[in-house]
């Protein structure tokens, strides 16, 4: 049985840089946002050794498009939670 080609792409979102890896069967790994493209790539490659950079399939491109708005919402939620934690600490 032959090896399945395994690719990845690092992409920018409002919440930071994310990564996605896939093969001929589908998406195999998603890297949550980091502060830099290098950090996202390093983390993704650590968990998915041997993947090569590639152009996303239409299905992977669709997944990337779906992740971007979620990242924006996650960033807003994080800011809200940090503000609430600061208020809580100030009240102690």
Protein backbone atom coordinates (compact mmCIF):
# COMPACT_ATOMS: atom_id res chain seq x y z
CA UNK A 1 0.00 0.00 0.00
CA UNK A 2 1.44 3.43 -1.00
CA UNK A 3 2.02 6.45 1.19
CA UNK A 4 -0.72 9.07 1.28
CA UNK A 5 0.46 12.61 0.45
CA UNK A 6 0.22 14.79 3.56
CA UNK A 7 0.22 18.60 3.25
CA UNK A 8 -0.23 21.64 5.45
CA UNK A 9 -0.91 25.36 5.28
CA UNK A 10 -0.38 28.12 7.84
CA UNK A 11 -2.92 30.94 7.59
CA UNK A 12 -3.64 34.17 9.44
CA UNK A 13 -6.83 34.86 11.37
CA UNK A 14 -7.98 37.69 13.64
CA UNK A 15 -6.87 35.57 16.60
CA UNK A 16 -3.41 34.74 15.29
CA UNK A 17 -1.82 32.24 12.95
CA UNK A 18 -3.44 28.82 12.54
CA UNK A 19 -2.39 25.71 10.70
CA UNK A 20 -4.18 22.88 8.99
CA UNK A 21 -2.87 19.54 7.72
CA UNK A 22 -4.61 17.15 5.36
CA UNK A 23 -4.15 14.09 3.20
CA UNK A 24 -6.14 12.42 0.42
CA UNK A 25 -8.74 11.25 2.93
CA UNK A 26 -9.36 14.59 4.67
CA UNK A 27 -8.18 16.98 7.38
CA UNK A 28 -5.81 15.33 9.83
CA UNK A 29 -4.82 18.14 12.18
CA UNK A 30 -5.69 21.75 13.04
CA UNK A 31 -3.31 24.05 14.89
CA UNK A 32 -5.01 26.62 17.13
CA UNK A 33 -3.92 30.27 16.85
CA UNK A 34 -0.42 31.29 17.86
CA UNK A 35 1.26 34.70 17.83
CA UNK A 36 3.38 34.04 14.75
CA UNK A 37 3.35 31.96 11.58
CA UNK A 38 6.63 30.40 12.68
CA UNK A 39 5.17 29.28 16.02
CA UNK A 40 2.11 27.79 14.30
CA UNK A 41 4.29 25.95 11.81
CA UNK A 42 6.63 24.67 14.52
CA UNK A 43 3.72 23.34 16.60
CA UNK A 44 2.02 21.75 13.61
CA UNK A 45 5.20 20.07 12.38
CA UNK A 46 5.91 18.77 15.88
CA UNK A 47 2.57 16.95 15.91
CA UNK A 48 2.52 15.99 12.23
CA UNK A 49 6.10 15.24 11.20
CA UNK A 50 6.72 14.71 7.52
CA UNK A 51 3.94 16.95 6.20
CA UNK A 52 4.86 19.23 3.30
CA UNK A 53 3.51 22.71 2.45
CA UNK A 54 0.72 22.55 -0.11
CA UNK A 55 -2.20 24.28 -1.75
CA UNK A 56 -5.46 23.40 -0.01
CA UNK A 57 -8.10 21.29 -1.69
CA UNK A 58 -11.54 22.91 -2.07
CA UNK A 59 -12.69 21.09 1.09
CA UNK A 60 -9.70 22.30 3.10
CA UNK A 61 -10.20 25.85 1.78
CA UNK A 62 -13.81 25.65 2.96
CA UNK A 63 -12.66 24.56 6.43
CA UNK A 64 -10.18 27.45 6.58
CA UNK A 65 -12.95 29.89 5.63
CA UNK A 66 -15.09 28.46 8.45
CA UNK A 67 -12.28 28.79 11.03
CA UNK A 68 -11.58 32.47 10.39
CA UNK A 69 -14.83 33.86 11.85
CA UNK A 70 -14.56 31.48 14.81
CA UNK A 71 -11.11 32.86 15.56
CA UNK A 72 -12.49 36.39 15.52
CA UNK A 73 -15.19 35.41 18.03
CA UNK A 74 -12.67 33.57 20.20
CA UNK A 75 -10.50 36.69 20.32
CA UNK A 76 -13.47 38.80 21.46
CA UNK A 77 -14.42 36.19 24.08
CA UNK A 78 -10.84 36.09 25.37
CA UNK A 79 -10.83 39.89 25.77
CA UNK A 80 -14.14 39.73 27.66
CA UNK A 81 -12.88 36.99 29.98
CA UNK A 82 -9.61 38.83 30.67
CA UNK A 83 -11.55 42.01 31.52
CA UNK A 84 -13.83 40.06 33.85
CA UNK A 85 -10.81 38.47 35.56
CA UNK A 86 -9.23 41.90 36.04
CA UNK A 87 -12.46 43.22 37.58
CA UNK A 88 -12.64 40.20 39.87
CA UNK A 89 -9.02 40.66 41.02
CA UNK A 90 -9.63 44.37 41.64
CA UNK A 91 -12.60 43.50 43.87
CA UNK A 92 -10.63 41.07 46.06
